[in-house]
Amino acid sequence: MGVPRIRPVQSPYVIHSGATASNGIKRRREMGAENEAGSNLERIEMTVHVGTHIDALGHFTKGDQMYGGRSAQDEVGDFGLHNLGIEHAPPMISRGVCIDVSGLDGGDHLEAGRAVARNDLGRMLENSGVELRPADAVCIHTGWGRFFVTDNDKYVGGEPGIELGTAEWLTGQDVLAIGCDNMAVEVLPGTDHPKTMMPVHQHTLVEAGVYLIENLVTEHLVRDGVSTFCFILLPVKFRGATGSPVMPVALI
């Protein structure tokens, strides 16, 4: 049997001009300007969960429950989240740990639906001589990122990723964030699909208060054999937003 396809829920951003140089020059001429000063401005409409991005703790619920025992009925307002928006995420400057699991099955990437277990991560960490510490940012390389943009149908049709037990083990290590080179960090379809969907998001964001970073670019770290580094990520503080596009940096 083939892997059941997962319908994508992310949409690309839409950009259109709000002002153009030619109109700006005309407008400034009418005000007396002689220096042909044109300017270009645009409007962008998008979900904040596009490209490489970080999930705010208020991104997911477990029923009505949200992180910190908050109620979705009270927390979600007409203008976003009251207390769990991305503006409350701290600047992240911490140790990053890259765990390469792409070769677990003998290839250069794992296949969609392949769950990464706790023992898989533990074995790779042992091989690289790295132990997790509190406040680490864990970056998991499955090889799936090679299909981002190059084969979007394949990329969003499912993915390898961590299962619930792995997420529980990672949050038990008091990590700051968990990232992966896929669109959801967790394996899709899940190991209990379709009865249980997105359990990793429910555990990390709702129960544990651990951030998720999706669509990471990790192949350069793997190519250069880098296991630990200084991880830097500064979320854009969109007030009330459930996430933020980001450009994380690995300082070697």
Protein backbone atom coordinates (compact mmCIF):
# COMPACT_ATOMS: atom_id res chain seq x y z
CA MET A 1 0.00 0.00 0.00
CA GLY A 2 1.14 3.54 -0.68
CA VAL A 3 1.42 6.22 1.97
CA PRO A 4 -1.86 8.17 2.38
CA ARG A 5 -1.38 11.69 1.06
CA ILE A 6 -1.60 14.60 3.44
CA ARG A 7 -3.42 17.64 2.10
CA PRO A 8 -1.26 20.76 2.47
CA VAL A 9 -2.63 23.45 4.78
CA GLN A 10 0.00 26.08 4.05
CA SER A 11 -0.43 28.67 1.32
CA PRO A 12 2.22 30.81 -0.37
CA TYR A 13 2.31 34.50 0.32
CA VAL A 14 0.63 36.96 -2.05
CA ILE A 15 2.47 40.16 -2.90
CA HIS A 16 1.23 43.17 -4.83
CA SER A 17 2.42 46.72 -5.26
CA GLY A 18 1.12 49.34 -2.88
CA ALA A 19 3.08 52.15 -4.50
CA THR A 20 5.35 52.35 -7.55
CA ALA A 21 8.33 54.50 -8.39
CA SER A 22 6.64 56.18 -11.35
CA ASN A 23 3.63 57.20 -9.29
CA GLY A 24 5.90 58.37 -6.49
CA ILE A 25 7.87 60.57 -8.86
CA LYS A 26 4.65 62.06 -10.26
CA ARG A 27 3.29 62.71 -6.78
CA ARG A 28 6.49 64.38 -5.58
CA ARG A 29 6.73 66.49 -8.74
CA GLU A 30 3.29 67.86 -7.92
CA MET A 31 4.65 68.85 -4.52
CA GLY A 32 7.58 70.67 -6.14
CA ALA A 33 10.32 68.01 -6.10
CA GLU A 34 12.82 68.11 -8.97
CA ASN A 35 15.03 65.10 -8.10
CA GLU A 36 12.90 62.28 -9.60
CA ALA A 37 12.54 60.49 -6.23
CA GLY A 38 10.67 57.25 -6.86
CA SER A 39 9.90 54.59 -4.27
CA ASN A 40 8.42 51.11 -4.41
CA LEU A 41 6.26 49.67 -1.64
CA GLU A 42 4.20 46.52 -1.45
CA ARG A 43 1.58 44.71 0.55
CA ILE A 44 2.07 41.07 1.51
CA GLU A 45 -0.71 38.73 2.56
CA MET A 46 0.31 35.36 3.99
CA THR A 47 0.04 32.85 6.76
CA VAL A 48 2.90 33.11 9.23
CA HIS A 49 3.38 29.36 8.79
CA VAL A 50 5.12 29.61 5.45
CA GLY A 51 8.73 28.80 4.59
CA THR A 52 11.06 28.32 7.54
CA HIS A 53 9.00 29.36 10.55
CA ILE A 54 8.48 28.88 14.27
CA ASP A 55 5.21 27.91 15.93
CA ALA A 56 3.98 30.02 18.83
CA LEU A 57 2.71 28.11 21.86
CA GLY A 58 -0.81 29.22 20.97
CA HIS A 59 -0.71 27.56 17.54
CA PHE A 60 -2.35 24.33 18.74
CA THR A 61 -5.01 23.18 21.17
CA LYS A 62 -5.96 19.91 22.80
CA GLY A 63 -9.69 20.25 22.70
CA ASP A 64 -10.25 23.62 24.36
CA GLN A 65 -6.99 23.38 26.32
CA MET A 66 -4.02 25.56 25.45
CA TYR A 67 -0.57 25.93 27.00
CA GLY A 68 -0.57 26.90 30.67
CA GLY A 69 -4.09 25.63 31.24
CA ARG A 70 -5.62 28.43 29.18
CA SER A 71 -8.93 28.01 27.40
CA ALA A 72 -9.12 28.51 23.63
CA GLN A 73 -12.51 30.13 24.15
CA ASP A 74 -10.85 32.85 26.19
CA GLU A 75 -7.45 32.99 24.50
CA VAL A 76 -8.40 33.32 20.82
CA GLY A 77 -9.84 36.74 19.99
CA ASP A 78 -10.87 38.65 16.90
CA PHE A 79 -7.38 40.09 16.59
CA GLY A 80 -5.30 37.02 17.39
CA LEU A 81 -4.09 35.40 20.58
CA HIS A 82 -4.31 37.31 23.84
CA ASN A 83 -1.43 35.71 25.77
CA LEU A 84 0.19 32.96 23.69
CA GLY A 85 1.15 34.86 20.54
CA ILE A 86 4.61 34.78 19.01
CA GLU A 87 5.47 38.14 20.61
CA HIS A 88 5.95 36.22 23.86
CA ALA A 89 8.58 33.88 22.37
CA PRO A 90 12.04 34.79 23.64
CA PRO A 91 15.05 35.60 21.47
CA MET A 92 16.75 32.24 21.08
CA ILE A 93 20.52 32.19 21.42
CA SER A 94 21.51 28.77 22.64
CA ARG A 95 23.43 25.63 21.78
CA GLY A 96 22.13 23.97 18.65
CA VAL A 97 22.41 20.22 18.14
CA CYS A 98 22.07 18.75 14.66
CA ILE A 99 21.05 15.10 14.59
CA ASP A 100 21.40 13.43 11.20
CA VAL A 101 18.98 10.51 10.82
CA SER A 102 18.80 10.65 7.02
CA GLY A 103 20.84 7.47 6.55
CA LEU A 104 18.98 5.24 9.01
CA ASP A 105 17.46 3.18 6.21
CA GLY A 106 20.52 3.08 4.00
CA GLY A 107 19.71 5.98 1.70
CA ASP A 108 20.30 9.71 1.70
CA HIS A 109 16.83 10.49 3.05
CA LEU A 110 14.03 8.85 4.98
CA GLU A 111 10.73 8.14 3.27
CA ALA A 112 7.34 9.70 4.03
CA GLY A 113 5.61 7.98 6.93
CA ARG A 114 8.92 6.84 8.47
CA ALA A 115 8.74 7.52 12.21
CA VAL A 116 11.97 8.57 13.93
CA ALA A 117 12.02 6.84 17.31
CA ARG A 118 13.73 7.84 20.53
CA ASN A 119 16.30 5.09 20.04
CA ASP A 120 17.09 6.41 16.55
CA LEU A 121 18.00 9.81 17.96
CA GLY A 122 19.85 8.27 20.88
CA ARG A 123 21.99 6.15 18.60
CA MET A 124 22.91 9.09 16.36
CA LEU A 125 23.76 11.25 19.38
CA GLU A 126 25.98 8.51 20.77
CA ASN A 127 27.73 8.13 17.41
CA SER A 128 28.50 11.85 17.34
CA GLY A 129 29.56 11.93 21.00
CA VAL A 130 26.91 14.53 21.93
CA GLU A 131 24.62 14.57 24.96
CA LEU A 132 21.57 16.80 25.07
CA ARG A 133 21.51 19.61 27.62
CA PRO A 134 18.67 21.77 28.93
CA ALA A 135 17.83 24.70 26.61
CA ASP A 136 19.32 23.01 23.52
CA ALA A 137 17.72 23.69 20.15
CA VAL A 138 17.46 20.28 18.50
CA CYS A 139 17.64 20.31 14.70
CA ILE A 140 16.76 16.99 13.06
CA HIS A 141 17.95 16.20 9.54
CA THR A 142 15.87 13.57 7.72
CA GLY A 143 16.94 14.51 4.20
CA TRP A 144 13.33 15.37 3.33
CA GLY A 145 14.19 19.02 2.82
CA ARG A 146 15.65 18.17 -0.60
CA PHE A 147 12.09 18.09 -1.94
CA PHE A 148 11.12 21.58 -0.74
CA VAL A 149 10.41 23.67 -3.88
CA THR A 150 12.09 21.05 -6.09
CA ASP A 151 9.16 18.60 -5.75
CA ASN A 152 6.41 20.25 -3.71
CA ASP A 153 3.82 17.54 -4.41
CA LYS A 154 6.12 14.98 -2.83
CA TYR A 155 7.14 17.34 -0.03
CA VAL A 156 3.58 17.96 1.18
CA GLY A 157 2.30 14.44 0.44
CA GLY A 158 3.67 13.09 3.73
CA GLU A 159 7.01 13.17 5.53
CA PRO A 160 9.40 11.37 7.85
CA GLY A 161 9.56 12.87 11.32
CA ILE A 162 9.52 12.22 15.03
CA GLU A 163 6.76 10.25 16.72
CA LEU A 164 5.04 11.14 19.99
CA GLY A 165 7.33 9.06 22.20
CA THR A 166 10.36 10.78 20.70
CA ALA A 167 8.85 14.20 21.31
CA GLU A 168 8.11 13.25 24.93
CA TRP A 169 11.71 12.14 25.39
CA LEU A 170 13.04 15.39 23.91
CA THR A 171 10.81 17.62 26.03
CA GLY A 172 11.88 15.54 29.03
CA GLN A 173 15.43 16.75 28.32
CA ASP A 174 14.17 20.34 28.77
CA VAL A 175 15.09 21.36 25.24
CA LEU A 176 14.16 24.87 24.12
CA ALA A 177 12.93 23.99 20.64
CA ILE A 178 12.68 21.10 18.19
CA GLY A 179 13.21 21.73 14.49
CA CYS A 180 13.27 19.58 11.40
CA ASP A 181 13.82 19.78 7.64
CA ASN A 182 10.14 19.07 6.94
CA MET A 183 6.86 20.96 7.18
CA ALA A 184 5.58 19.67 10.53
CA VAL A 185 8.50 18.15 12.52
CA GLU A 186 6.37 15.08 13.22
CA VAL A 187 5.90 12.03 11.00
CA LEU A 188 3.01 12.27 8.52
CA PRO A 189 0.87 10.28 8.39
CA GLY A 190 1.27 9.54 12.09
CA THR A 191 1.80 6.11 13.57
CA ASP A 192 -1.84 6.01 14.76
CA HIS A 193 -3.32 7.68 11.67
CA PRO A 194 -6.18 8.47 11.21
CA LYS A 195 -7.34 8.02 14.82
CA THR A 196 -4.71 10.40 16.16
CA MET A 197 -3.51 13.41 14.17
CA MET A 198 -0.75 15.89 15.05
CA PRO A 199 -0.01 14.46 18.53
CA VAL A 200 3.52 15.91 18.56
CA HIS A 201 2.15 19.43 18.14
CA GLN A 202 -0.34 18.83 20.94
CA HIS A 203 2.35 17.55 23.28
CA THR A 204 5.13 20.05 22.57
CA LEU A 205 3.07 23.23 22.23
CA VAL A 206 0.12 22.56 24.57
CA GLU A 207 1.56 20.29 27.24
CA ALA A 208 5.30 20.98 27.32
CA GLY A 209 5.70 24.57 26.10
CA VAL A 210 8.46 23.63 23.65
CA TYR A 211 8.64 25.51 20.36
CA LEU A 212 8.58 23.81 16.96
CA ILE A 213 10.62 25.07 13.98
CA GLU A 214 9.62 23.79 10.55
CA ASN A 215 11.18 23.71 7.09
CA LEU A 216 14.72 24.06 8.49
CA VAL A 217 17.68 24.03 6.12
CA THR A 218 20.07 21.51 7.68
CA GLU A 219 21.96 19.95 4.79
CA HIS A 220 24.94 22.31 5.12
CA LEU A 221 25.47 21.30 8.74
CA VAL A 222 25.37 17.62 7.78
CA ARG A 223 27.62 18.15 4.78
CA ASP A 224 30.24 19.83 6.96
CA GLY A 225 29.91 17.31 9.81
CA VAL A 226 28.71 19.92 12.32
CA SER A 227 26.91 18.45 15.33
CA THR A 228 26.92 21.40 17.76
CA PHE A 229 26.92 25.13 17.14
CA CYS A 230 25.56 28.42 18.43
CA PHE A 231 21.90 28.58 17.40
CA ILE A 232 20.38 32.02 16.86
CA LEU A 233 16.71 32.66 16.10
CA LEU A 234 14.84 35.93 16.62
CA PRO A 235 11.09 35.60 16.01
CA VAL A 236 9.33 38.60 14.50
CA LYS A 237 6.98 39.82 17.23
CA PHE A 238 3.71 39.86 15.32
CA ARG A 239 1.30 40.66 18.14
CA GLY A 240 -1.19 37.84 18.65
CA ALA A 241 0.19 35.71 15.79
CA THR A 242 0.44 31.91 15.97
CA GLY A 243 3.93 31.88 14.49
CA SER A 244 6.58 33.78 12.60
CA PRO A 245 8.70 33.29 9.47
CA VAL A 246 12.33 33.12 10.58
CA MET A 247 15.86 32.78 9.27
CA PRO A 248 17.76 30.82 11.93
CA VAL A 249 21.53 31.09 11.99
CA ALA A 250 24.10 28.44 12.94
CA LEU A 251 27.23 30.18 14.19
CA ILE A 252 30.17 27.81 13.85
